[in-house]
Amino acid sequence: MKRKDLTFLPVAINITGKKILIVGGGKVSYHKATVLSRFTGEATVVSPRFHEGFHALPFTLIKKEYSKDDLEGVSLVYICTENEQLNGQIKRDAAERGVPACVCDNPRLCDFTSPAIFKQGDICIAVSSGARDVRRSIAVRNRIEALVKNGELKIEGDDTV
C-alpha cells in the first residue's frame, strides 16, 4: 500500500487512566514523548538507552530490551526503536493483543498517526496531512501558533473562534 492510499481519521482519544507505552529511547521517541507529556504524565518508556532529556519527562523509564510482556494492559503504543525489523515485530505483537500502534516514521504500519499540535489551555489544534506531508502540517501548525501569539487569532475565552 502506498502512502497516498492511506486514510487516517483525525480524532481525539480519551487517555484518562490508560496505560500508554513508548518503545524506544532515541531522538524520534523523545520527540513523541515530549508531545505526549503535554497531555499526560502517565506513560512508560522501554529502551536499553535513553536520549538526552528523557529523564526530565514525567514518565516511567525502564532500561531494558523490549519483550512481548511490555504490552500487558497497554491501551496505546508508540513504536520508535530505530530498528525496522523490531518495529515490525512489536507492531505484530500489538495487533495480536488489539493494541493500536503508531510505528514512528512508517505510516503504512500505523493504526494512528500523531498530528502537528498547537495547544493553549484547553484548546488543542491538530493539523494532519494523513501522513502524506508532515513538514507542511508542521508549517501550518507553526502559522497558527504565530497568529495566536501575535494576537491575530484569539482562542482563550474568545467566543468568536
N, C-alpha and C. Protein backbone atom coordinates (compact mmCIF):
# COMPACT_ATOMS: atom_id res chain seq x y z
N MET A 1 0.84 -1.18 0.00
CA MET A 1 0.00 0.00 0.00
C MET A 1 0.88 1.24 0.00
N LYS A 2 0.60 2.16 -0.89
CA LYS A 2 1.37 3.40 -0.98
C LYS A 2 0.86 4.39 0.06
N ARG A 3 1.72 5.32 0.42
CA ARG A 3 1.37 6.33 1.42
C ARG A 3 0.13 7.10 0.99
N LYS A 4 0.01 7.41 -0.31
CA LYS A 4 -1.14 8.19 -0.77
C LYS A 4 -2.44 7.40 -0.68
N ASP A 5 -2.36 6.09 -0.53
CA ASP A 5 -3.55 5.25 -0.40
C ASP A 5 -4.04 5.16 1.04
N LEU A 6 -3.29 5.68 1.98
CA LEU A 6 -3.67 5.61 3.39
C LEU A 6 -4.70 6.67 3.74
N THR A 7 -5.64 6.32 4.59
CA THR A 7 -6.64 7.27 5.06
C THR A 7 -6.68 7.23 6.58
N PHE A 8 -6.41 8.37 7.20
CA PHE A 8 -6.44 8.47 8.65
C PHE A 8 -7.54 9.45 9.05
N LEU A 9 -8.32 9.09 10.05
CA LEU A 9 -9.37 9.93 10.59
C LEU A 9 -8.81 10.68 11.79
N PRO A 10 -8.80 12.03 11.75
CA PRO A 10 -8.33 12.77 12.92
C PRO A 10 -9.35 12.65 14.05
N VAL A 11 -8.91 12.17 15.20
CA VAL A 11 -9.78 12.01 16.36
C VAL A 11 -9.04 12.42 17.62
N ALA A 12 -9.78 12.70 18.66
CA ALA A 12 -9.19 12.93 19.97
C ALA A 12 -9.52 11.70 20.81
N ILE A 13 -8.53 11.09 21.41
CA ILE A 13 -8.68 9.85 22.15
C ILE A 13 -8.64 10.13 23.64
N ASN A 14 -9.59 9.58 24.38
CA ASN A 14 -9.60 9.71 25.82
C ASN A 14 -8.52 8.79 26.40
N ILE A 15 -7.49 9.39 26.98
CA ILE A 15 -6.39 8.61 27.55
C ILE A 15 -6.42 8.60 29.08
N THR A 16 -7.49 9.10 29.65
CA THR A 16 -7.62 9.14 31.11
C THR A 16 -7.50 7.73 31.69
N GLY A 17 -6.52 7.55 32.55
CA GLY A 17 -6.33 6.27 33.21
C GLY A 17 -5.84 5.15 32.30
N LYS A 18 -5.45 5.47 31.07
CA LYS A 18 -5.00 4.45 30.13
C LYS A 18 -3.49 4.25 30.24
N LYS A 19 -3.06 3.03 30.02
CA LYS A 19 -1.64 2.71 30.04
C LYS A 19 -1.09 2.92 28.63
N ILE A 20 -0.14 3.85 28.51
CA ILE A 20 0.48 4.17 27.23
C ILE A 20 1.94 3.73 27.30
N LEU A 21 2.38 3.07 26.24
CA LEU A 21 3.75 2.56 26.17
C LEU A 21 4.46 3.20 24.98
N ILE A 22 5.70 3.59 25.22
CA ILE A 22 6.60 4.03 24.15
C ILE A 22 7.77 3.06 24.16
N VAL A 23 8.02 2.43 23.02
CA VAL A 23 9.15 1.51 22.91
C VAL A 23 10.22 2.20 22.08
N GLY A 24 11.36 2.43 22.69
CA GLY A 24 12.47 3.11 22.03
C GLY A 24 12.86 4.34 22.83
N GLY A 25 14.12 4.66 22.82
CA GLY A 25 14.60 5.79 23.61
C GLY A 25 15.42 6.78 22.82
N GLY A 26 15.32 6.74 21.49
CA GLY A 26 16.11 7.63 20.64
C GLY A 26 15.47 8.99 20.44
N LYS A 27 15.98 9.71 19.45
CA LYS A 27 15.54 11.08 19.17
C LYS A 27 14.06 11.14 18.77
N VAL A 28 13.61 10.25 17.89
CA VAL A 28 12.21 10.25 17.44
C VAL A 28 11.30 9.92 18.62
N SER A 29 11.68 8.94 19.39
CA SER A 29 10.92 8.55 20.57
C SER A 29 10.84 9.71 21.56
N TYR A 30 11.93 10.39 21.75
CA TYR A 30 11.96 11.54 22.66
C TYR A 30 11.00 12.62 22.18
N HIS A 31 10.97 12.88 20.87
CA HIS A 31 10.05 13.87 20.32
C HIS A 31 8.60 13.46 20.61
N LYS A 32 8.25 12.20 20.34
CA LYS A 32 6.89 11.71 20.60
C LYS A 32 6.56 11.83 22.09
N ALA A 33 7.51 11.47 22.94
CA ALA A 33 7.30 11.53 24.39
C ALA A 33 7.11 12.97 24.86
N THR A 34 7.85 13.89 24.28
CA THR A 34 7.73 15.30 24.65
C THR A 34 6.33 15.82 24.33
N VAL A 35 5.83 15.49 23.15
CA VAL A 35 4.47 15.90 22.78
C VAL A 35 3.46 15.25 23.71
N LEU A 36 3.59 13.95 23.95
CA LEU A 36 2.68 13.23 24.81
C LEU A 36 2.66 13.81 26.23
N SER A 37 3.80 14.27 26.70
CA SER A 37 3.90 14.80 28.06
C SER A 37 3.06 16.07 28.25
N ARG A 38 2.65 16.70 27.16
CA ARG A 38 1.78 17.88 27.27
C ARG A 38 0.33 17.48 27.58
N PHE A 39 0.04 16.17 27.47
CA PHE A 39 -1.32 15.67 27.68
C PHE A 39 -1.44 14.73 28.87
N THR A 40 -0.35 14.09 29.24
CA THR A 40 -0.38 13.15 30.36
C THR A 40 1.01 13.02 30.97
N GLY A 41 1.02 12.69 32.24
CA GLY A 41 2.27 12.39 32.91
C GLY A 41 2.41 10.90 33.15
N GLU A 42 1.46 10.15 32.57
CA GLU A 42 1.43 8.71 32.81
C GLU A 42 1.70 7.93 31.53
N ALA A 43 2.91 7.52 31.36
CA ALA A 43 3.31 6.65 30.25
C ALA A 43 4.57 5.92 30.69
N THR A 44 4.84 4.84 30.02
CA THR A 44 6.05 4.06 30.30
C THR A 44 6.88 4.02 29.02
N VAL A 45 8.18 4.21 29.19
CA VAL A 45 9.11 4.13 28.07
C VAL A 45 10.07 2.99 28.33
N VAL A 46 10.16 2.07 27.36
CA VAL A 46 11.05 0.92 27.48
C VAL A 46 12.13 1.04 26.42
N SER A 47 13.38 1.01 26.86
CA SER A 47 14.51 1.10 25.93
C SER A 47 15.81 0.75 26.67
N PRO A 48 16.76 0.19 25.95
CA PRO A 48 18.05 -0.05 26.60
C PRO A 48 18.85 1.23 26.80
N ARG A 49 18.50 2.29 26.04
CA ARG A 49 19.19 3.58 26.13
C ARG A 49 18.17 4.71 26.00
N PHE A 50 18.46 5.86 26.61
CA PHE A 50 17.54 6.99 26.55
C PHE A 50 18.25 8.24 26.05
N HIS A 51 17.62 8.89 25.07
CA HIS A 51 18.11 10.16 24.52
C HIS A 51 18.17 11.20 25.65
N GLU A 52 19.11 12.09 25.53
CA GLU A 52 19.25 13.17 26.50
C GLU A 52 17.91 13.90 26.65
N GLY A 53 17.50 14.14 27.86
CA GLY A 53 16.26 14.85 28.12
C GLY A 53 15.13 13.96 28.60
N PHE A 54 15.20 12.68 28.33
CA PHE A 54 14.13 11.76 28.75
C PHE A 54 13.90 11.82 30.25
N HIS A 55 14.96 11.94 31.01
CA HIS A 55 14.84 11.90 32.47
C HIS A 55 14.10 13.12 33.02
N ALA A 56 13.95 14.17 32.21
CA ALA A 56 13.20 15.36 32.64
C ALA A 56 11.70 15.20 32.39
N LEU A 57 11.31 14.18 31.65
CA LEU A 57 9.89 13.95 31.36
C LEU A 57 9.24 13.20 32.52
N PRO A 58 7.92 13.32 32.67
CA PRO A 58 7.24 12.73 33.84
C PRO A 58 6.91 11.24 33.70
N PHE A 59 7.60 10.53 32.83
CA PHE A 59 7.26 9.15 32.54
C PHE A 59 8.13 8.15 33.29
N THR A 60 7.63 6.93 33.38
CA THR A 60 8.40 5.84 33.95
C THR A 60 9.34 5.32 32.87
N LEU A 61 10.63 5.32 33.15
CA LEU A 61 11.63 4.84 32.20
C LEU A 61 12.13 3.48 32.67
N ILE A 62 12.05 2.50 31.77
CA ILE A 62 12.53 1.16 32.09
C ILE A 62 13.66 0.83 31.13
N LYS A 63 14.86 0.70 31.67
CA LYS A 63 16.05 0.47 30.85
C LYS A 63 16.22 -1.02 30.60
N LYS A 64 15.70 -1.48 29.45
CA LYS A 64 15.80 -2.89 29.09
C LYS A 64 15.39 -3.05 27.63
N GLU A 65 15.64 -4.21 27.09
CA GLU A 65 15.18 -4.56 25.75
C GLU A 65 13.68 -4.84 25.81
N TYR A 66 12.99 -4.57 24.71
CA TYR A 66 11.56 -4.85 24.60
C TYR A 66 11.27 -6.35 24.73
N SER A 67 10.15 -6.66 25.39
CA SER A 67 9.63 -8.02 25.37
C SER A 67 8.11 -7.92 25.21
N LYS A 68 7.51 -8.99 24.69
CA LYS A 68 6.05 -9.02 24.47
C LYS A 68 5.27 -8.65 25.72
N ASP A 69 5.77 -9.04 26.87
CA ASP A 69 5.09 -8.77 28.14
C ASP A 69 4.94 -7.28 28.42
N ASP A 70 5.76 -6.44 27.77
CA ASP A 70 5.66 -4.99 27.98
C ASP A 70 4.30 -4.46 27.52
N LEU A 71 3.61 -5.20 26.65
CA LEU A 71 2.31 -4.77 26.12
C LEU A 71 1.14 -5.13 27.04
N GLU A 72 1.42 -5.83 28.13
CA GLU A 72 0.37 -6.26 29.05
C GLU A 72 -0.40 -5.05 29.61
N GLY A 73 -1.70 -5.00 29.36
CA GLY A 73 -2.56 -3.94 29.88
C GLY A 73 -2.44 -2.61 29.16
N VAL A 74 -1.67 -2.55 28.08
CA VAL A 74 -1.45 -1.30 27.35
C VAL A 74 -2.65 -0.98 26.46
N SER A 75 -3.02 0.30 26.41
CA SER A 75 -4.12 0.76 25.57
C SER A 75 -3.66 1.39 24.26
N LEU A 76 -2.40 1.85 24.24
CA LEU A 76 -1.86 2.58 23.09
C LEU A 76 -0.35 2.43 23.12
N VAL A 77 0.26 2.21 21.95
CA VAL A 77 1.72 2.07 21.92
C VAL A 77 2.32 2.87 20.77
N TYR A 78 3.40 3.57 21.10
CA TYR A 78 4.24 4.24 20.11
C TYR A 78 5.48 3.38 19.96
N ILE A 79 5.79 3.00 18.72
CA ILE A 79 6.92 2.13 18.44
C ILE A 79 7.98 2.94 17.70
N CYS A 80 9.10 3.18 18.36
CA CYS A 80 10.13 4.07 17.82
C CYS A 80 11.53 3.52 18.12
N THR A 81 11.81 2.29 17.74
CA THR A 81 13.08 1.69 18.14
C THR A 81 14.25 2.00 17.20
N GLU A 82 13.98 2.59 16.05
CA GLU A 82 15.01 2.85 15.04
C GLU A 82 15.53 1.55 14.42
N ASN A 83 14.80 0.44 14.62
CA ASN A 83 15.13 -0.86 14.04
C ASN A 83 13.86 -1.36 13.36
N GLU A 84 13.83 -1.29 12.02
CA GLU A 84 12.61 -1.63 11.27
C GLU A 84 12.09 -3.04 11.57
N GLN A 85 12.99 -3.99 11.66
CA GLN A 85 12.58 -5.37 11.92
C GLN A 85 11.92 -5.48 13.30
N LEU A 86 12.55 -4.89 14.30
CA LEU A 86 11.99 -4.91 15.65
C LEU A 86 10.67 -4.14 15.69
N ASN A 87 10.61 -2.98 15.02
CA ASN A 87 9.36 -2.22 14.97
C ASN A 87 8.23 -3.08 14.41
N GLY A 88 8.52 -3.82 13.33
CA GLY A 88 7.52 -4.69 12.72
C GLY A 88 7.06 -5.78 13.68
N GLN A 89 7.99 -6.35 14.43
CA GLN A 89 7.64 -7.40 15.40
C GLN A 89 6.76 -6.84 16.51
N ILE A 90 7.11 -5.66 17.01
CA ILE A 90 6.31 -5.04 18.07
C ILE A 90 4.92 -4.72 17.54
N LYS A 91 4.83 -4.24 16.31
CA LYS A 91 3.53 -3.95 15.70
C LYS A 91 2.68 -5.22 15.62
N ARG A 92 3.29 -6.34 15.21
CA ARG A 92 2.55 -7.61 15.15
C ARG A 92 2.10 -8.05 16.55
N ASP A 93 2.98 -7.89 17.53
CA ASP A 93 2.63 -8.23 18.91
C ASP A 93 1.45 -7.38 19.39
N ALA A 94 1.49 -6.09 19.09
CA ALA A 94 0.41 -5.18 19.48
C ALA A 94 -0.90 -5.57 18.79
N ALA A 95 -0.81 -5.90 17.51
CA ALA A 95 -2.02 -6.29 16.75
C ALA A 95 -2.64 -7.55 17.35
N GLU A 96 -1.82 -8.50 17.75
CA GLU A 96 -2.33 -9.73 18.37
C GLU A 96 -3.13 -9.43 19.63
N ARG A 97 -2.75 -8.37 20.34
CA ARG A 97 -3.42 -8.01 21.59
C ARG A 97 -4.50 -6.95 21.38
N GLY A 98 -4.66 -6.49 20.14
CA GLY A 98 -5.67 -5.47 19.86
C GLY A 98 -5.28 -4.08 20.34
N VAL A 99 -3.97 -3.83 20.45
CA VAL A 99 -3.48 -2.54 20.92
C VAL A 99 -3.15 -1.66 19.72
N PRO A 100 -3.82 -0.51 19.59
CA PRO A 100 -3.49 0.41 18.49
C PRO A 100 -2.04 0.88 18.60
N ALA A 101 -1.35 0.90 17.45
CA ALA A 101 0.07 1.22 17.44
C ALA A 101 0.40 2.29 16.41
N CYS A 102 1.32 3.14 16.78
CA CYS A 102 1.92 4.10 15.86
C CYS A 102 3.37 3.68 15.69
N VAL A 103 3.71 3.27 14.47
CA VAL A 103 5.08 2.90 14.17
C VAL A 103 5.73 4.14 13.57
N CYS A 104 6.48 4.84 14.40
CA CYS A 104 7.03 6.13 14.00
C CYS A 104 7.85 6.02 12.72
N ASP A 105 7.61 6.97 11.84
CA ASP A 105 8.29 7.05 10.55
C ASP A 105 7.91 5.94 9.58
N ASN A 106 6.80 5.22 9.85
CA ASN A 106 6.33 4.20 8.92
C ASN A 106 4.79 4.18 8.93
N PRO A 107 4.17 5.17 8.27
CA PRO A 107 2.71 5.27 8.32
C PRO A 107 1.97 4.04 7.80
N ARG A 108 2.59 3.27 6.92
CA ARG A 108 1.93 2.07 6.39
C ARG A 108 1.65 1.04 7.48
N LEU A 109 2.42 1.07 8.55
CA LEU A 109 2.20 0.14 9.66
C LEU A 109 1.36 0.73 10.79
N CYS A 110 1.00 2.01 10.68
CA CYS A 110 0.33 2.70 11.78
C CYS A 110 -1.18 2.46 11.82
N ASP A 111 -1.69 2.29 13.03
CA ASP A 111 -3.12 2.31 13.27
C ASP A 111 -3.57 3.76 13.49
N PHE A 112 -2.65 4.60 13.92
CA PHE A 112 -2.92 6.02 14.12
C PHE A 112 -1.62 6.78 13.89
N THR A 113 -1.74 8.07 13.62
CA THR A 113 -0.57 8.93 13.50
C THR A 113 -0.77 10.11 14.43
N SER A 114 0.29 10.80 14.72
CA SER A 114 0.21 11.98 15.58
C SER A 114 0.27 13.22 14.71
N PRO A 115 -0.72 14.09 14.82
CA PRO A 115 -0.70 15.32 14.02
C PRO A 115 0.26 16.34 14.61
N ALA A 116 0.49 17.42 13.87
CA ALA A 116 1.21 18.56 14.41
C ALA A 116 0.23 19.29 15.33
N ILE A 117 0.62 19.56 16.55
CA ILE A 117 -0.31 20.05 17.57
C ILE A 117 0.10 21.42 18.09
N PHE A 118 -0.90 22.29 18.21
CA PHE A 118 -0.75 23.54 18.94
C PHE A 118 -1.75 23.47 20.09
N LYS A 119 -1.26 23.64 21.31
CA LYS A 119 -2.13 23.54 22.49
C LYS A 119 -1.94 24.77 23.36
N GLN A 120 -3.07 25.39 23.70
CA GLN A 120 -3.05 26.52 24.63
C GLN A 120 -4.25 26.36 25.55
N GLY A 121 -3.97 26.12 26.82
CA GLY A 121 -5.05 25.86 27.75
C GLY A 121 -5.80 24.60 27.34
N ASP A 122 -7.13 24.70 27.31
CA ASP A 122 -7.95 23.56 26.92
C ASP A 122 -8.13 23.43 25.42
N ILE A 123 -7.66 24.40 24.68
CA ILE A 123 -7.82 24.36 23.22
C ILE A 123 -6.62 23.66 22.60
N CYS A 124 -6.94 22.70 21.75
CA CYS A 124 -5.90 21.95 21.06
C CYS A 124 -6.24 21.95 19.57
N ILE A 125 -5.31 22.42 18.77
CA ILE A 125 -5.50 22.44 17.32
C ILE A 125 -4.53 21.43 16.72
N ALA A 126 -5.08 20.46 16.01
CA ALA A 126 -4.28 19.41 15.40
C ALA A 126 -4.31 19.58 13.88
N VAL A 127 -3.14 19.53 13.28
CA VAL A 127 -3.03 19.65 11.83
C VAL A 127 -2.44 18.36 11.30
N SER A 128 -3.19 17.71 10.43
CA SER A 128 -2.75 16.44 9.88
C SER A 128 -2.81 16.46 8.36
N SER A 129 -1.85 15.80 7.75
CA SER A 129 -1.85 15.63 6.29
C SER A 129 -2.13 14.17 5.94
N GLY A 130 -2.62 13.41 6.91
CA GLY A 130 -2.85 11.99 6.67
C GLY A 130 -1.56 11.25 6.39
N ALA A 131 -0.48 11.67 7.04
CA ALA A 131 0.85 11.06 6.92
C ALA A 131 1.47 11.27 5.55
N ARG A 132 0.96 12.24 4.78
CA ARG A 132 1.49 12.47 3.44
C ARG A 132 2.53 13.58 3.38
N ASP A 133 2.36 14.62 4.21
CA ASP A 133 3.25 15.77 4.12
C ASP A 133 3.45 16.37 5.51
N VAL A 134 4.25 15.69 6.31
CA VAL A 134 4.46 16.08 7.70
C VAL A 134 5.02 17.49 7.81
N ARG A 135 5.98 17.84 6.95
CA ARG A 135 6.58 19.18 7.02
C ARG A 135 5.53 20.27 6.78
N ARG A 136 4.63 20.02 5.87
CA ARG A 136 3.57 21.01 5.58
C ARG A 136 2.63 21.12 6.78
N SER A 137 2.28 20.01 7.40
CA SER A 137 1.44 20.05 8.60
C SER A 137 2.10 20.88 9.69
N ILE A 138 3.39 20.69 9.87
CA ILE A 138 4.14 21.46 10.88
C ILE A 138 4.15 22.93 10.53
N ALA A 139 4.33 23.26 9.25
CA ALA A 139 4.34 24.66 8.81
C ALA A 139 2.98 25.32 9.08
N VAL A 140 1.89 24.62 8.82
CA VAL A 140 0.55 25.16 9.08
C VAL A 140 0.36 25.35 10.58
N ARG A 141 0.75 24.35 11.37
CA ARG A 141 0.66 24.48 12.83
C ARG A 141 1.46 25.67 13.33
N ASN A 142 2.67 25.86 12.80
CA ASN A 142 3.51 26.98 13.20
C ASN A 142 2.87 28.32 12.84
N ARG A 143 2.19 28.36 11.71
CA ARG A 143 1.50 29.58 11.29
C ARG A 143 0.35 29.88 12.25
N ILE A 144 -0.40 28.87 12.64
CA ILE A 144 -1.48 29.05 13.60
C ILE A 144 -0.92 29.56 14.93
N GLU A 145 0.18 28.95 15.37
CA GLU A 145 0.81 29.38 16.62
C GLU A 145 1.24 30.84 16.54
N ALA A 146 1.81 31.24 15.41
CA ALA A 146 2.24 32.64 15.23
C ALA A 146 1.04 33.58 15.25
N LEU A 147 -0.05 33.19 14.62
CA LEU A 147 -1.26 34.02 14.61
C LEU A 147 -1.79 34.22 16.03
N VAL A 148 -1.76 33.17 16.83
CA VAL A 148 -2.22 33.26 18.23
C VAL A 148 -1.28 34.15 19.02
N LYS A 149 0.01 33.94 18.88
CA LYS A 149 0.99 34.72 19.65
C LYS A 149 0.96 36.20 19.27
N ASN A 150 0.67 36.49 17.99
CA ASN A 150 0.60 37.88 17.52
C ASN A 150 -0.74 38.53 17.84
N GLY A 151 -1.67 37.78 18.39
CA GLY A 151 -2.98 38.32 18.72
C GLY A 151 -3.94 38.38 17.54
N GLU A 152 -3.54 37.86 16.39
CA GLU A 152 -4.40 37.89 15.20
C GLU A 152 -5.48 36.82 15.28
N LEU A 153 -5.25 35.77 16.06
CA LEU A 153 -6.24 34.71 16.27
C LEU A 153 -6.35 34.52 17.78
N LYS A 154 -7.49 34.87 18.32
CA LYS A 154 -7.69 34.76 19.76
C LYS A 154 -8.41 33.45 20.05
N ILE A 155 -7.89 32.71 21.03
CA ILE A 155 -8.54 31.44 21.36
C ILE A 155 -8.92 31.32 22.83
N GLU A 156 -8.26 32.01 23.72
CA GLU A 156 -8.58 31.90 25.15
C GLU A 156 -9.77 32.80 25.48
N GLY A 157 -10.91 32.18 25.83
CA GLY A 157 -12.08 32.92 26.24
C GLY A 157 -12.71 33.74 25.12
N ASP A 158 -12.34 33.49 23.88
CA ASP A 158 -12.86 34.23 22.74
C ASP A 158 -14.00 33.44 22.11
N ASP A 159 -15.21 33.98 22.17
CA ASP A 159 -16.38 33.28 21.63
C ASP A 159 -16.48 33.35 20.11
N THR A 160 -15.54 34.04 19.47
CA THR A 160 -15.62 34.19 18.01
C THR A 160 -14.77 33.18 17.27
N VAL A 161 -14.21 32.23 17.99
CA VAL A 161 -13.35 31.24 17.35
C VAL A 161 -14.14 30.43 16.36
